[in-house]
Amino acid sequence: MVVLIFQTDIKSKGKVKSIKPILNHHSDIIKWSVDLEDIDNILRIEATTELKEKEVIDIIQEKGFYIQPLLD
């Protein structure tokens, strides 16, 4: 299992709902959440080792959102 963490501009429950179907049905994503209370609107994904950071970025950008990996 891997944990991927991203900064996003997903700032409301409505915007979270717009990505929910894609992330919920992705075969490599085990669990995900968006922290709307955090200034960086953190998207946290627990996934299989098959999921690549670039794939998540592409999915979120296709929905029209800003996304950037957060480094330690």
PDB file of N, CA and C in Angstrom:
ATOM      1  N   MET A   1       0.842  -1.181   0.000  1.00  0.00           N
ATOM      2  CA  MET A   1       0.000   0.000   0.000  1.00  0.00           C
ATOM      3  C   MET A   1       0.888   1.244   0.000  1.00  0.00           C
ATOM      4  N   VAL A   2       0.413   2.271  -0.699  1.00  0.00           N
ATOM      5  CA  VAL A   2       1.091   3.566  -0.716  1.00  0.00           C
ATOM      6  C   VAL A   2       0.101   4.640  -0.295  1.00  0.00           C
ATOM      7  N   VAL A   3       0.632   5.741   0.230  1.00  0.00           N
ATOM      8  CA  VAL A   3      -0.187   6.899   0.569  1.00  0.00           C
ATOM      9  C   VAL A   3       0.320   8.059  -0.268  1.00  0.00           C
ATOM     10  N   LEU A   4      -0.581   8.641  -1.039  1.00  0.00           N
ATOM     11  CA  LEU A   4      -0.249   9.796  -1.877  1.00  0.00           C
ATOM     12  C   LEU A   4      -0.957  11.015  -1.308  1.00  0.00           C
ATOM     13  N   ILE A   5      -0.237  12.122  -1.207  1.00  0.00           N
ATOM     14  CA  ILE A   5      -0.803  13.334  -0.625  1.00  0.00           C
ATOM     15  C   ILE A   5      -0.586  14.502  -1.585  1.00  0.00           C
ATOM     16  N   PHE A   6      -1.682  15.246  -1.825  1.00  0.00           N
ATOM     17  CA  PHE A   6      -1.651  16.334  -2.794  1.00  0.00           C
ATOM     18  C   PHE A   6      -2.279  17.606  -2.228  1.00  0.00           C
ATOM     19  N   GLN A   7      -1.780  18.734  -2.680  1.00  0.00           N
ATOM     20  CA  GLN A   7      -2.416  20.024  -2.449  1.00  0.00           C
ATOM     21  C   GLN A   7      -3.383  20.238  -3.614  1.00  0.00           C
ATOM     22  N   THR A   8      -4.596  20.714  -3.320  1.00  0.00           N
ATOM     23  CA  THR A   8      -5.586  20.920  -4.381  1.00  0.00           C
ATOM     24  C   THR A   8      -6.323  22.244  -4.179  1.00  0.00           C
ATOM     25  N   ASP A   9      -7.210  22.544  -5.121  1.00  0.00           N
ATOM     26  CA  ASP A   9      -8.133  23.669  -4.947  1.00  0.00           C
ATOM     27  C   ASP A   9      -9.574  23.162  -4.854  1.00  0.00           C
ATOM     28  N   ILE A  10      -9.727  21.957  -4.329  1.00  0.00           N
ATOM     29  CA  ILE A  10     -11.052  21.370  -4.099  1.00  0.00           C
ATOM     30  C   ILE A  10     -11.532  21.915  -2.752  1.00  0.00           C
ATOM     31  N   LYS A  11     -12.399  22.942  -2.799  1.00  0.00           N
ATOM     32  CA  LYS A  11     -12.697  23.722  -1.598  1.00  0.00           C
ATOM     33  C   LYS A  11     -14.114  23.590  -1.052  1.00  0.00           C
ATOM     34  N   SER A  12     -14.905  22.693  -1.605  1.00  0.00           N
ATOM     35  CA  SER A  12     -16.277  22.562  -1.110  1.00  0.00           C
ATOM     36  C   SER A  12     -16.752  21.116  -1.230  1.00  0.00           C
ATOM     37  N   LYS A  13     -17.822  20.812  -0.498  1.00  0.00           N
ATOM     38  CA  LYS A  13     -18.392  19.462  -0.559  1.00  0.00           C
ATOM     39  C   LYS A  13     -18.895  19.149  -1.961  1.00  0.00           C
ATOM     40  N   GLY A  14     -19.419  20.155  -2.637  1.00  0.00           N
ATOM     41  CA  GLY A  14     -19.901  19.965  -4.005  1.00  0.00           C
ATOM     42  C   GLY A  14     -18.786  19.564  -4.950  1.00  0.00           C
ATOM     43  N   LYS A  15     -17.620  20.183  -4.776  1.00  0.00           N
ATOM     44  CA  LYS A  15     -16.474  19.838  -5.618  1.00  0.00           C
ATOM     45  C   LYS A  15     -15.954  18.446  -5.287  1.00  0.00           C
ATOM     46  N   VAL A  16     -15.997  18.079  -4.014  1.00  0.00           N
ATOM     47  CA  VAL A  16     -15.601  16.723  -3.615  1.00  0.00           C
ATOM     48  C   VAL A  16     -16.528  15.713  -4.289  1.00  0.00           C
ATOM     49  N   LYS A  17     -17.827  16.015  -4.321  1.00  0.00           N
ATOM     50  CA  LYS A  17     -18.796  15.111  -4.952  1.00  0.00           C
ATOM     51  C   LYS A  17     -18.497  14.910  -6.435  1.00  0.00           C
ATOM     52  N   SER A  18     -17.941  15.926  -7.090  1.00  0.00           N
ATOM     53  CA  SER A  18     -17.674  15.810  -8.524  1.00  0.00           C
ATOM     54  C   SER A  18     -16.537  14.830  -8.835  1.00  0.00           C
ATOM     55  N   ILE A  19     -15.636  14.599  -7.869  1.00  0.00           N
ATOM     56  CA  ILE A  19     -14.555  13.632  -8.095  1.00  0.00           C
ATOM     57  C   ILE A  19     -14.849  12.271  -7.465  1.00  0.00           C
ATOM     58  N   LYS A  20     -15.870  12.233  -6.628  1.00  0.00           N
ATOM     59  CA  LYS A  20     -16.195  11.011  -5.882  1.00  0.00           C
ATOM     60  C   LYS A  20     -16.407   9.780  -6.767  1.00  0.00           C
ATOM     61  N   PRO A  21     -17.218   9.854  -7.830  1.00  0.00           N
ATOM     62  CA  PRO A  21     -17.449   8.644  -8.644  1.00  0.00           C
ATOM     63  C   PRO A  21     -16.162   8.081  -9.248  1.00  0.00           C
ATOM     64  N   ILE A  22     -15.297   8.939  -9.717  1.00  0.00           N
ATOM     65  CA  ILE A  22     -14.057   8.481 -10.353  1.00  0.00           C
ATOM     66  C   ILE A  22     -13.137   7.809  -9.338  1.00  0.00           C
ATOM     67  N   LEU A  23     -12.947   8.465  -8.185  1.00  0.00           N
ATOM     68  CA  LEU A  23     -12.027   7.914  -7.187  1.00  0.00           C
ATOM     69  C   LEU A  23     -12.602   6.675  -6.505  1.00  0.00           C
ATOM     70  N   ASN A  24     -13.905   6.674  -6.258  1.00  0.00           N
ATOM     71  CA  ASN A  24     -14.527   5.514  -5.609  1.00  0.00           C
ATOM     72  C   ASN A  24     -14.475   4.256  -6.474  1.00  0.00           C
ATOM     73  N   HIS A  25     -14.496   4.419  -7.777  1.00  0.00           N
ATOM     74  CA  HIS A  25     -14.546   3.264  -8.665  1.00  0.00           C
ATOM     75  C   HIS A  25     -13.197   2.914  -9.289  1.00  0.00           C
ATOM     76  N   HIS A  26     -12.149   3.617  -8.882  1.00  0.00           N
ATOM     77  CA  HIS A  26     -10.812   3.303  -9.399  1.00  0.00           C
ATOM     78  C   HIS A  26     -10.310   2.038  -8.707  1.00  0.00           C
ATOM     79  N   SER A  27      -9.902   1.072  -9.478  1.00  0.00           N
ATOM     80  CA  SER A  27      -9.542  -0.234  -8.922  1.00  0.00           C
ATOM     81  C   SER A  27      -8.316  -0.210  -8.002  1.00  0.00           C
ATOM     82  N   ASP A  28      -7.447   0.781  -8.135  1.00  0.00           N
ATOM     83  CA  ASP A  28      -6.237   0.824  -7.316  1.00  0.00           C
ATOM     84  C   ASP A  28      -6.372   1.695  -6.072  1.00  0.00           C
ATOM     85  N   ILE A  29      -7.476   2.436  -5.947  1.00  0.00           N
ATOM     86  CA  ILE A  29      -7.671   3.314  -4.791  1.00  0.00           C
ATOM     87  C   ILE A  29      -8.446   2.572  -3.708  1.00  0.00           C
ATOM     88  N   ILE A  30      -7.849   2.494  -2.532  1.00  0.00           N
ATOM     89  CA  ILE A  30      -8.460   1.803  -1.407  1.00  0.00           C
ATOM     90  C   ILE A  30      -9.326   2.773  -0.603  1.00  0.00           C
ATOM     91  N   LYS A  31      -8.790   3.944  -0.319  1.00  0.00           N
ATOM     92  CA  LYS A  31      -9.479   4.940   0.504  1.00  0.00           C
ATOM     93  C   LYS A  31      -8.951   6.319   0.128  1.00  0.00           C
ATOM     94  N   TRP A  32      -9.824   7.320   0.155  1.00  0.00           N
ATOM     95  CA  TRP A  32      -9.380   8.669  -0.155  1.00  0.00           C
ATOM     96  C   TRP A  32     -10.198   9.680   0.635  1.00  0.00           C
ATOM     97  N   SER A  33      -9.642  10.880   0.805  1.00  0.00           N
ATOM     98  CA  SER A  33     -10.365  11.960   1.477  1.00  0.00           C
ATOM     99  C   SER A  33      -9.784  13.306   1.060  1.00  0.00           C
ATOM    100  N   VAL A  34     -10.615  14.340   1.179  1.00  0.00           N
ATOM    101  CA  VAL A  34     -10.175  15.713   0.966  1.00  0.00           C
ATOM    102  C   VAL A  34     -10.414  16.452   2.275  1.00  0.00           C
ATOM    103  N   ASP A  35      -9.381  17.088   2.804  1.00  0.00           N
ATOM    104  CA  ASP A  35      -9.487  17.854   4.044  1.00  0.00           C
ATOM    105  C   ASP A  35      -9.850  19.292   3.701  1.00  0.00           C
ATOM    106  N   LEU A  36     -11.147  19.600   3.783  1.00  0.00           N
ATOM    107  CA  LEU A  36     -11.628  20.938   3.442  1.00  0.00           C
ATOM    108  C   LEU A  36     -11.266  21.979   4.504  1.00  0.00           C
ATOM    109  N   GLU A  37     -10.855  21.529   5.678  1.00  0.00           N
ATOM    110  CA  GLU A  37     -10.463  22.438   6.756  1.00  0.00           C
ATOM    111  C   GLU A  37      -9.014  22.908   6.602  1.00  0.00           C
ATOM    112  N   ASP A  38      -8.219  22.164   5.881  1.00  0.00           N
ATOM    113  CA  ASP A  38      -6.807  22.498   5.688  1.00  0.00           C
ATOM    114  C   ASP A  38      -6.664  23.590   4.637  1.00  0.00           C
ATOM    115  N   ILE A  39      -5.741  24.509   4.847  1.00  0.00           N
ATOM    116  CA  ILE A  39      -5.533  25.611   3.898  1.00  0.00           C
ATOM    117  C   ILE A  39      -5.155  25.108   2.502  1.00  0.00           C
ATOM    118  N   ASP A  40      -4.517  23.933   2.445  1.00  0.00           N
ATOM    119  CA  ASP A  40      -4.095  23.367   1.156  1.00  0.00           C
ATOM    120  C   ASP A  40      -5.092  22.375   0.575  1.00  0.00           C
ATOM    121  N   ASN A  41      -6.261  22.230   1.209  1.00  0.00           N
ATOM    122  CA  ASN A  41      -7.294  21.306   0.723  1.00  0.00           C
ATOM    123  C   ASN A  41      -6.668  19.971   0.312  1.00  0.00           C
ATOM    124  N   ILE A  42      -6.091  19.310   1.288  1.00  0.00           N
ATOM    125  CA  ILE A  42      -5.304  18.100   1.072  1.00  0.00           C
ATOM    126  C   ILE A  42      -6.155  16.930   0.587  1.00  0.00           C
ATOM    127  N   LEU A  43      -5.728  16.348  -0.533  1.00  0.00           N
ATOM    128  CA  LEU A  43      -6.290  15.092  -1.034  1.00  0.00           C
ATOM    129  C   LEU A  43      -5.330  13.997  -0.600  1.00  0.00           C
ATOM    130  N   ARG A  44      -5.835  13.046   0.190  1.00  0.00           N
ATOM    131  CA  ARG A  44      -5.025  11.934   0.695  1.00  0.00           C
ATOM    132  C   ARG A  44      -5.600  10.647   0.130  1.00  0.00           C
ATOM    133  N   ILE A  45      -4.738   9.875  -0.511  1.00  0.00           N
ATOM    134  CA  ILE A  45      -5.171   8.634  -1.147  1.00  0.00           C
ATOM    135  C   ILE A  45      -4.339   7.470  -0.631  1.00  0.00           C
ATOM    136  N   GLU A  46      -5.033   6.428  -0.159  1.00  0.00           N
ATOM    137  CA  GLU A  46      -4.397   5.154   0.161  1.00  0.00           C
ATOM    138  C   GLU A  46      -4.692   4.250  -1.028  1.00  0.00           C
ATOM    139  N   ALA A  47      -3.632   3.675  -1.585  1.00  0.00           N
ATOM    140  CA  ALA A  47      -3.813   2.914  -2.819  1.00  0.00           C
ATOM    141  C   ALA A  47      -2.850   1.736  -2.894  1.00  0.00           C
ATOM    142  N   THR A  48      -3.095   0.898  -3.888  1.00  0.00           N
ATOM    143  CA  THR A  48      -2.161  -0.190  -4.163  1.00  0.00           C
ATOM    144  C   THR A  48      -0.892   0.430  -4.747  1.00  0.00           C
ATOM    145  N   THR A  49       0.154  -0.355  -4.781  1.00  0.00           N
ATOM    146  CA  THR A  49       1.417   0.144  -5.335  1.00  0.00           C
ATOM    147  C   THR A  49       1.342   0.362  -6.845  1.00  0.00           C
ATOM    148  N   GLU A  50       0.268  -0.083  -7.453  1.00  0.00           N
ATOM    149  CA  GLU A  50       0.090   0.089  -8.899  1.00  0.00           C
ATOM    150  C   GLU A  50      -0.260   1.532  -9.275  1.00  0.00           C
ATOM    151  N   LEU A  51      -0.869   2.263  -8.354  1.00  0.00           N
ATOM    152  CA  LEU A  51      -1.319   3.626  -8.658  1.00  0.00           C
ATOM    153  C   LEU A  51      -0.130   4.575  -8.676  1.00  0.00           C
ATOM    154  N   LYS A  52      -0.018   5.326  -9.742  1.00  0.00           N
ATOM    155  CA  LYS A  52       1.074   6.285  -9.897  1.00  0.00           C
ATOM    156  C   LYS A  52       0.561   7.698  -9.647  1.00  0.00           C
ATOM    157  N   GLU A  53       1.433   8.517  -9.083  1.00  0.00           N
ATOM    158  CA  GLU A  53       1.109   9.909  -8.782  1.00  0.00           C
ATOM    159  C   GLU A  53       0.574  10.638 -10.020  1.00  0.00           C
ATOM    160  N   LYS A  54       1.215  10.419 -11.158  1.00  0.00           N
ATOM    161  CA  LYS A  54       0.829  11.082 -12.410  1.00  0.00           C
ATOM    162  C   LYS A  54      -0.606  10.741 -12.800  1.00  0.00           C
ATOM    163  N   GLU A  55      -1.026   9.511 -12.555  1.00  0.00           N
ATOM    164  CA  GLU A  55      -2.387   9.099 -12.893  1.00  0.00           C
ATOM    165  C   GLU A  55      -3.413   9.887 -12.084  1.00  0.00           C
ATOM    166  N   VAL A  56      -3.141  10.077 -10.781  1.00  0.00           N
ATOM    167  CA  VAL A  56      -4.043  10.854  -9.928  1.00  0.00           C
ATOM    168  C   VAL A  56      -4.088  12.300 -10.412  1.00  0.00           C
ATOM    169  N   ILE A  57      -2.933  12.867 -10.711  1.00  0.00           N
ATOM    170  CA  ILE A  57      -2.869  14.253 -11.191  1.00  0.00           C
ATOM    171  C   ILE A  57      -3.694  14.408 -12.464  1.00  0.00           C
ATOM    172  N   ASP A  58      -3.548  13.479 -13.392  1.00  0.00           N
ATOM    173  CA  ASP A  58      -4.307  13.539 -14.647  1.00  0.00           C
ATOM    174  C   ASP A  58      -5.814  13.465 -14.400  1.00  0.00           C
ATOM    175  N   ILE A  59      -6.240  12.570 -13.513  1.00  0.00           N
ATOM    176  CA  ILE A  59      -7.666  12.415 -13.204  1.00  0.00           C
ATOM    177  C   ILE A  59      -8.240  13.716 -12.638  1.00  0.00           C
ATOM    178  N   ILE A  60      -7.551  14.296 -11.679  1.00  0.00           N
ATOM    179  CA  ILE A  60      -8.060  15.506 -11.020  1.00  0.00           C
ATOM    180  C   ILE A  60      -8.012  16.705 -11.963  1.00  0.00           C
ATOM    181  N   GLN A  61      -6.960  16.823 -12.747  1.00  0.00           N
ATOM    182  CA  GLN A  61      -6.873  17.929 -13.701  1.00  0.00           C
ATOM    183  C   GLN A  61      -7.941  17.828 -14.780  1.00  0.00           C
ATOM    184  N   GLU A  62      -8.293  16.620 -15.190  1.00  0.00           N
ATOM    185  CA  GLU A  62      -9.355  16.433 -16.179  1.00  0.00           C
ATOM    186  C   GLU A  62     -10.686  16.973 -15.673  1.00  0.00           C
ATOM    187  N   LYS A  63     -10.874  16.963 -14.347  1.00  0.00           N
ATOM    188  CA  LYS A  63     -12.093  17.507 -13.744  1.00  0.00           C
ATOM    189  C   LYS A  63     -12.001  19.021 -13.549  1.00  0.00           C
ATOM    190  N   GLY A  64     -10.864  19.616 -13.922  1.00  0.00           N
ATOM    191  CA  GLY A  64     -10.725  21.065 -13.887  1.00  0.00           C
ATOM    192  C   GLY A  64     -10.130  21.626 -12.601  1.00  0.00           C
ATOM    193  N   PHE A  65      -9.541  20.773 -11.790  1.00  0.00           N
ATOM    194  CA  PHE A  65      -8.976  21.225 -10.527  1.00  0.00           C
ATOM    195  C   PHE A  65      -7.452  21.329 -10.594  1.00  0.00           C
ATOM    196  N   TYR A  66      -6.925  22.195  -9.736  1.00  0.00           N
ATOM    197  CA  TYR A  66      -5.486  22.312  -9.527  1.00  0.00           C
ATOM    198  C   TYR A  66      -5.072  21.199  -8.566  1.00  0.00           C
ATOM    199  N   ILE A  67      -3.940  20.572  -8.854  1.00  0.00           N
ATOM    200  CA  ILE A  67      -3.411  19.529  -7.963  1.00  0.00           C
ATOM    201  C   ILE A  67      -1.899  19.512  -8.082  1.00  0.00           C
ATOM    202  N   GLN A  68      -1.262  19.368  -6.929  1.00  0.00           N
ATOM    203  CA  GLN A  68       0.204  19.313  -6.883  1.00  0.00           C
ATOM    204  C   GLN A  68       0.615  18.380  -5.769  1.00  0.00           C
ATOM    205  N   PRO A  69       1.590  17.501  -6.017  1.00  0.00           N
ATOM    206  CA  PRO A  69       2.043  16.604  -4.943  1.00  0.00           C
ATOM    207  C   PRO A  69       2.626  17.402  -3.790  1.00  0.00           C
ATOM    208  N   LEU A  70       2.369  16.954  -2.573  1.00  0.00           N
ATOM    209  CA  LEU A  70       2.984  17.563  -1.392  1.00  0.00           C
ATOM    210  C   LEU A  70       4.196  16.737  -1.020  1.00  0.00           C
ATOM    211  N   LEU A  71       5.303  17.406  -0.900  1.00  0.00           N
ATOM    212  CA  LEU A  71       6.535  16.726  -0.526  1.00  0.00           C
ATOM    213  C   LEU A  71       6.716  16.802   0.976  1.00  0.00           C
ATOM    214  N   ASP A  72       7.397  15.816   1.524  1.00  0.00           N
ATOM    215  CA  ASP A  72       7.628  15.778   2.978  1.00  0.00           C
ATOM    216  C   ASP A  72       8.398  16.978   3.467  1.00  0.00           C
TER     217      ASP A  72
END
